[in-house]
Amino acid sequence: MKKQTAKMRDFLSTARTLNEALPYLQRYHGAIVVIKLGGHAMGSDEGMASFARDVMLMRTVGVNPVVVHGGGPMINEMLEKLGVTSTFTRGKRVTDAATMAVVEMVLSGQVNKRIVQAINAEGGRAVGLSGKDASMITCTMADPELGFVGEPSEVDTTLLRQLFEAEMIPVIAPIGADRDGHSYNINGDTAAGAIAAALKADRLLLLTDVSGVKNADGEVVTELSAADVEAMTESGVIAGGMIPKTETALSAVRAGVRAAVILDGRAPNACLLELFTDHGAGSIIRA
């Protein structure tokens, strides 16, 4: 009798916990959430498995997640292994034909399939793609001096919506093509922002290796408007590598994304904390 009473007490306690959590879990049912997973945020195999479990839970509670990934460190490693020498202009790598071949091999192959495998290992149904599949991302050359670096000019979401209907999880390498069939490397944040805008996503989550946008005192600012971001950039508080991330966030929210969040992808359950808790995680930016 005592054992049965203890089991009933545990059951009721769990039921109350689930009942309290239910409104949070249901708040994004049917929503589209685009997640940019940076190369530095991928971390260890354990970190990748944790991220995969988060994505799988999102799908389980009715969210439509889209993962867009980078892979800069992996590209650098492969270029070095293959002896491909890079040249730089204004501090940016020039992507010539040889470099572009390596970039596509690493992003669409090694990195993409690692993420797909991690999600599938957690019981998900992930599909690896690049922006070239089904002509998803059409590009123009961003800067002739930088070679095959692309700027999205058009995003076709037909395939993504079909995958949502099939309850599958798209994992997208940021490779696109122009109308003549030339391949282009797209900045991962830029690709994620363009996809989120085309989908009119509820959230764009930019996972990086910092905790969010910080003010002049070094404290993370949890909520920012477009005006806040512009003022902090103009004053130099937002600087360096944070500028392109906030620019991507602003472009996305101005194009119809409900909100963009810059958060630390190395933190355990970062995506779940942002979506399913009141306090969230990182810095949320709205138009």
Protein backbone atom coordinates (compact mmCIF):
# COMPACT_ATOMS: atom_id res chain seq x y z
CA MET A 1 0.00 0.00 0.00
CA LYS A 2 2.81 2.41 0.88
CA LYS A 3 4.52 1.72 -2.47
CA GLN A 4 1.25 2.34 -4.34
CA THR A 5 0.72 5.59 -2.43
CA ALA A 6 4.25 6.75 -3.27
CA LYS A 7 3.75 5.91 -6.94
CA MET A 8 0.46 7.79 -7.01
CA ARG A 9 2.10 10.80 -5.33
CA ASP A 10 4.92 10.74 -7.92
CA PHE A 11 2.39 10.44 -10.73
CA LEU A 12 0.33 13.37 -9.45
CA SER A 13 3.48 15.47 -9.01
CA THR A 14 4.53 14.72 -12.59
CA ALA A 15 1.03 15.45 -13.86
CA ARG A 16 1.05 18.85 -12.14
CA THR A 17 4.48 19.63 -13.63
CA LEU A 18 3.31 18.68 -17.10
CA ASN A 19 0.12 20.66 -16.65
CA GLU A 20 2.13 23.74 -15.70
CA ALA A 21 4.48 23.21 -18.65
CA LEU A 22 1.72 22.60 -21.21
CA PRO A 23 0.94 26.26 -21.99
CA TYR A 24 4.62 26.90 -22.68
CA LEU A 25 4.95 23.81 -24.88
CA GLN A 26 1.84 24.73 -26.86
CA ARG A 27 2.72 28.39 -27.42
CA TYR A 28 4.72 27.61 -30.59
CA HIS A 29 2.56 24.80 -31.95
CA GLY A 30 2.55 25.16 -35.73
CA ALA A 31 5.18 27.93 -35.63
CA ILE A 32 8.23 28.03 -37.90
CA VAL A 33 11.54 28.50 -36.09
CA VAL A 34 14.71 28.97 -38.14
CA ILE A 35 17.89 28.12 -36.22
CA LYS A 36 21.33 29.22 -37.40
CA LEU A 37 23.90 26.83 -35.97
CA GLY A 38 27.39 28.32 -36.22
CA GLY A 39 30.52 26.28 -36.67
CA HIS A 40 31.87 27.33 -33.27
CA ALA A 41 28.52 26.53 -31.61
CA MET A 42 28.60 22.92 -32.84
CA GLY A 43 31.21 22.03 -30.27
CA SER A 44 31.68 18.45 -29.13
CA ASP A 45 29.71 15.34 -30.04
CA GLU A 46 27.94 15.67 -26.69
CA GLY A 47 26.97 19.26 -27.52
CA MET A 48 25.72 18.20 -30.93
CA ALA A 49 23.63 15.43 -29.37
CA SER A 50 22.14 17.94 -26.91
CA PHE A 51 21.27 20.31 -29.74
CA ALA A 52 19.71 17.44 -31.70
CA ARG A 53 17.52 16.49 -28.72
CA ASP A 54 16.33 20.09 -28.43
CA VAL A 55 15.40 20.18 -32.12
CA MET A 56 13.63 16.83 -31.81
CA LEU A 57 11.61 18.05 -28.80
CA MET A 58 10.61 21.16 -30.73
CA ARG A 59 9.33 18.96 -33.57
CA THR A 60 7.52 16.69 -31.06
CA VAL A 61 5.48 19.59 -29.62
CA GLY A 62 4.44 20.82 -33.06
CA VAL A 63 7.15 23.35 -33.93
CA ASN A 64 8.50 23.35 -37.49
CA PRO A 65 12.27 23.79 -37.00
CA VAL A 66 14.63 24.64 -39.86
CA VAL A 67 18.35 24.30 -39.19
CA VAL A 68 20.75 26.42 -41.24
CA HIS A 69 24.39 25.80 -40.43
CA GLY A 70 27.80 27.30 -40.96
CA GLY A 71 31.11 25.52 -40.72
CA GLY A 72 33.96 28.00 -40.98
CA PRO A 73 36.40 26.10 -38.71
CA MET A 74 35.79 22.87 -40.65
CA ILE A 75 36.36 24.64 -43.97
CA ASN A 76 39.63 26.13 -42.73
CA GLU A 77 40.79 22.73 -41.53
CA MET A 78 40.02 21.07 -44.86
CA LEU A 79 41.64 23.84 -46.91
CA GLU A 80 44.80 23.37 -44.86
CA LYS A 81 44.73 19.59 -45.27
CA LEU A 82 44.33 19.88 -49.04
CA GLY A 83 46.95 22.59 -49.33
CA VAL A 84 44.56 25.10 -50.88
CA THR A 85 46.06 28.55 -50.34
CA SER A 86 43.60 31.36 -49.66
CA THR A 87 44.01 35.01 -50.53
CA PHE A 88 42.32 37.81 -48.63
CA THR A 89 40.92 41.21 -49.61
CA ARG A 90 40.06 43.75 -46.90
CA GLY A 91 40.41 40.97 -44.35
CA LYS A 92 37.91 38.70 -46.12
CA ARG A 93 38.69 35.41 -47.82
CA VAL A 94 38.50 35.40 -51.61
CA THR A 95 36.46 32.36 -52.65
CA ASP A 96 37.99 31.23 -55.96
CA ALA A 97 36.90 28.09 -57.83
CA ALA A 98 39.22 25.78 -55.87
CA THR A 99 38.08 27.20 -52.53
CA MET A 100 34.43 27.02 -53.56
CA ALA A 101 34.78 23.31 -54.36
CA VAL A 102 36.14 22.66 -50.86
CA VAL A 103 33.48 24.86 -49.22
CA GLU A 104 30.68 22.95 -50.93
CA MET A 105 32.23 19.58 -50.12
CA VAL A 106 32.58 20.42 -46.43
CA LEU A 107 29.29 22.24 -45.87
CA SER A 108 26.98 20.07 -47.99
CA GLY A 109 28.81 16.89 -47.04
CA GLN A 110 30.73 16.54 -43.78
CA VAL A 111 29.01 19.22 -41.70
CA ASN A 112 25.49 18.83 -43.04
CA LYS A 113 25.40 15.07 -42.63
CA ARG A 114 26.81 15.24 -39.12
CA ILE A 115 23.86 17.38 -38.04
CA VAL A 116 21.36 15.21 -39.91
CA GLN A 117 22.76 12.07 -38.33
CA ALA A 118 22.65 13.61 -34.84
CA ILE A 119 18.97 14.56 -35.18
CA ASN A 120 18.03 11.19 -36.65
CA ALA A 121 19.87 9.42 -33.84
CA GLU A 122 17.47 11.15 -31.43
CA GLY A 123 14.46 9.79 -33.32
CA GLY A 124 13.93 12.69 -35.70
CA ARG A 125 13.45 12.68 -39.46
CA ALA A 126 16.01 15.17 -40.69
CA VAL A 127 16.80 15.79 -44.34
CA GLY A 128 20.08 17.31 -45.48
CA LEU A 129 19.86 19.99 -48.17
CA SER A 130 21.71 22.94 -49.59
CA GLY A 131 20.24 26.09 -51.06
CA LYS A 132 20.83 24.58 -54.49
CA ASP A 133 18.24 21.83 -53.93
CA ALA A 134 14.96 22.60 -55.72
CA SER A 135 16.52 26.00 -56.55
CA MET A 136 15.78 27.04 -52.99
CA ILE A 137 18.24 29.95 -52.86
CA THR A 138 19.05 31.94 -55.98
CA CYS A 139 22.11 34.15 -55.57
CA THR A 140 23.88 37.06 -57.08
CA MET A 141 27.58 37.77 -56.60
CA ALA A 142 27.97 39.83 -53.45
CA ASP A 143 31.31 41.41 -54.34
CA PRO A 144 33.37 40.66 -57.49
CA GLU A 145 36.58 41.05 -55.47
CA LEU A 146 35.51 38.22 -53.14
CA GLY A 147 34.76 35.70 -55.90
CA PHE A 148 32.07 33.09 -55.36
CA VAL A 149 30.45 34.70 -52.33
CA GLY A 150 26.72 35.00 -52.83
CA GLU A 151 23.91 37.26 -51.72
CA PRO A 152 20.43 35.67 -51.73
CA SER A 153 18.17 37.36 -54.27
CA GLU A 154 15.28 34.89 -54.11
CA VAL A 155 14.20 32.10 -51.75
CA ASP A 156 11.70 29.47 -52.87
CA THR A 157 10.07 27.89 -49.80
CA THR A 158 8.00 25.26 -51.66
CA LEU A 159 10.21 22.31 -50.69
CA LEU A 160 10.47 23.45 -47.07
CA ARG A 161 6.70 23.65 -46.69
CA GLN A 162 6.34 20.18 -48.19
CA LEU A 163 8.82 18.88 -45.60
CA PHE A 164 6.82 20.56 -42.82
CA GLU A 165 3.71 18.72 -44.02
CA ALA A 166 5.66 15.46 -43.82
CA GLU A 167 6.87 16.35 -40.29
CA MET A 168 10.49 16.32 -41.44
CA ILE A 169 13.29 18.62 -40.29
CA PRO A 170 15.25 20.47 -43.00
CA VAL A 171 18.98 20.94 -42.38
CA ILE A 172 20.36 23.42 -44.89
CA ALA A 173 23.93 24.16 -45.97
CA PRO A 174 24.33 27.82 -47.03
CA ILE A 175 25.25 27.12 -50.64
CA GLY A 176 23.25 28.72 -53.46
CA ALA A 177 23.48 29.14 -57.20
CA ASP A 178 22.93 31.95 -59.68
CA ARG A 179 20.69 31.66 -62.72
CA ASP A 180 23.61 30.40 -64.78
CA GLY A 181 24.23 27.51 -62.39
CA HIS A 182 27.38 28.82 -60.68
CA SER A 183 27.69 27.81 -57.03
CA TYR A 184 28.12 30.43 -54.30
CA ASN A 185 29.05 30.33 -50.65
CA ILE A 186 26.60 32.37 -48.56
CA ASN A 187 27.29 33.68 -45.09
CA GLY A 188 25.37 31.35 -42.76
CA ASP A 189 23.66 34.16 -40.84
CA THR A 190 22.63 35.82 -44.10
CA ALA A 191 21.22 32.56 -45.48
CA ALA A 192 19.29 31.87 -42.27
CA GLY A 193 17.87 35.40 -42.23
CA ALA A 194 16.78 35.17 -45.87
CA ILE A 195 15.09 31.80 -45.30
CA ALA A 196 13.37 33.03 -42.15
CA ALA A 197 12.11 36.12 -43.97
CA ALA A 198 10.78 34.10 -46.90
CA LEU A 199 8.97 31.75 -44.51
CA LYS A 200 7.71 34.65 -42.33
CA ALA A 201 9.08 32.62 -39.43
CA ASP A 202 7.93 33.17 -35.88
CA ARG A 203 11.52 33.12 -34.62
CA LEU A 204 15.03 33.35 -36.02
CA LEU A 205 17.52 31.96 -33.51
CA LEU A 206 21.14 32.93 -34.21
CA LEU A 207 23.26 30.54 -32.18
CA THR A 208 26.79 31.80 -31.64
CA ASP A 209 29.61 31.67 -29.08
CA VAL A 210 28.58 34.71 -27.03
CA SER A 211 25.70 35.14 -24.61
CA GLY A 212 23.96 37.93 -26.54
CA VAL A 213 24.17 41.63 -27.32
CA LYS A 214 25.97 43.46 -24.53
CA ASN A 215 25.64 47.07 -23.39
CA ALA A 216 28.49 49.46 -22.57
CA ASP A 217 28.85 47.82 -19.13
CA GLY A 218 29.28 44.37 -20.64
CA GLU A 219 25.84 43.17 -19.54
CA VAL A 220 23.57 41.20 -21.87
CA VAL A 221 20.58 43.21 -23.03
CA THR A 222 17.64 40.81 -23.09
CA GLU A 223 15.26 42.89 -25.26
CA LEU A 224 16.05 45.37 -28.01
CA SER A 225 14.08 47.30 -30.59
CA ALA A 226 15.40 48.17 -34.03
CA ALA A 227 16.03 51.70 -32.77
CA ASP A 228 18.04 50.33 -29.84
CA VAL A 229 20.25 48.28 -32.14
CA GLU A 230 20.83 51.22 -34.48
CA ALA A 231 21.75 53.54 -31.59
CA MET A 232 24.13 51.00 -30.01
CA THR A 233 25.80 50.38 -33.36
CA GLU A 234 26.20 54.08 -34.07
CA SER A 235 27.75 54.66 -30.63
CA GLY A 236 30.16 51.73 -31.08
CA VAL A 237 28.69 49.58 -28.30
CA ILE A 238 27.73 46.98 -30.90
CA ALA A 239 30.94 46.35 -32.82
CA GLY A 240 33.06 43.74 -34.56
CA GLY A 241 31.46 40.37 -35.27
CA MET A 242 28.23 41.33 -33.54
CA ILE A 243 27.42 43.90 -36.25
CA PRO A 244 26.61 41.39 -39.05
CA LYS A 245 24.51 39.33 -36.62
CA THR A 246 22.40 42.31 -35.53
CA GLU A 247 22.14 43.44 -39.16
CA THR A 248 20.82 40.00 -40.09
CA ALA A 249 18.36 40.13 -37.18
CA LEU A 250 17.11 43.59 -38.20
CA SER A 251 16.71 42.61 -41.86
CA ALA A 252 14.73 39.54 -40.85
CA VAL A 253 12.31 41.28 -38.48
CA ARG A 254 11.76 44.11 -40.96
CA ALA A 255 10.92 41.49 -43.60
CA GLY A 256 8.21 39.89 -41.47
CA VAL A 257 9.96 37.59 -38.97
CA ARG A 258 8.21 38.06 -35.63
CA ALA A 259 11.46 38.25 -33.63
CA ALA A 260 15.13 37.33 -33.88
CA VAL A 261 17.27 36.15 -30.97
CA ILE A 262 21.06 36.14 -30.61
CA LEU A 263 22.07 33.54 -28.02
CA ASP A 264 24.91 31.28 -26.91
CA GLY A 265 24.62 27.98 -28.73
CA ARG A 266 27.11 26.37 -26.35
CA ALA A 267 24.72 26.74 -23.41
CA PRO A 268 22.74 23.56 -22.63
CA ASN A 269 19.16 23.65 -23.99
CA ALA A 270 19.58 27.22 -25.25
CA CYS A 271 16.82 26.91 -27.86
CA LEU A 272 14.36 25.36 -25.42
CA LEU A 273 15.05 28.01 -22.79
CA GLU A 274 14.40 30.74 -25.33
CA LEU A 275 11.15 29.28 -26.64
CA PHE A 276 9.60 27.64 -23.60
CA THR A 277 10.46 29.83 -20.61
CA ASP A 278 9.41 33.32 -19.59
CA HIS A 279 12.97 34.56 -19.12
CA GLY A 280 14.23 33.24 -22.45
CA ALA A 281 17.92 33.23 -23.37
CA GLY A 282 20.15 35.77 -25.07
CA SER A 283 18.97 39.01 -26.71
CA ILE A 284 15.63 39.21 -28.50
CA ILE A 285 15.25 41.82 -31.25
CA ARG A 286 11.93 43.06 -32.59
CA ALA A 287 11.15 45.62 -35.26
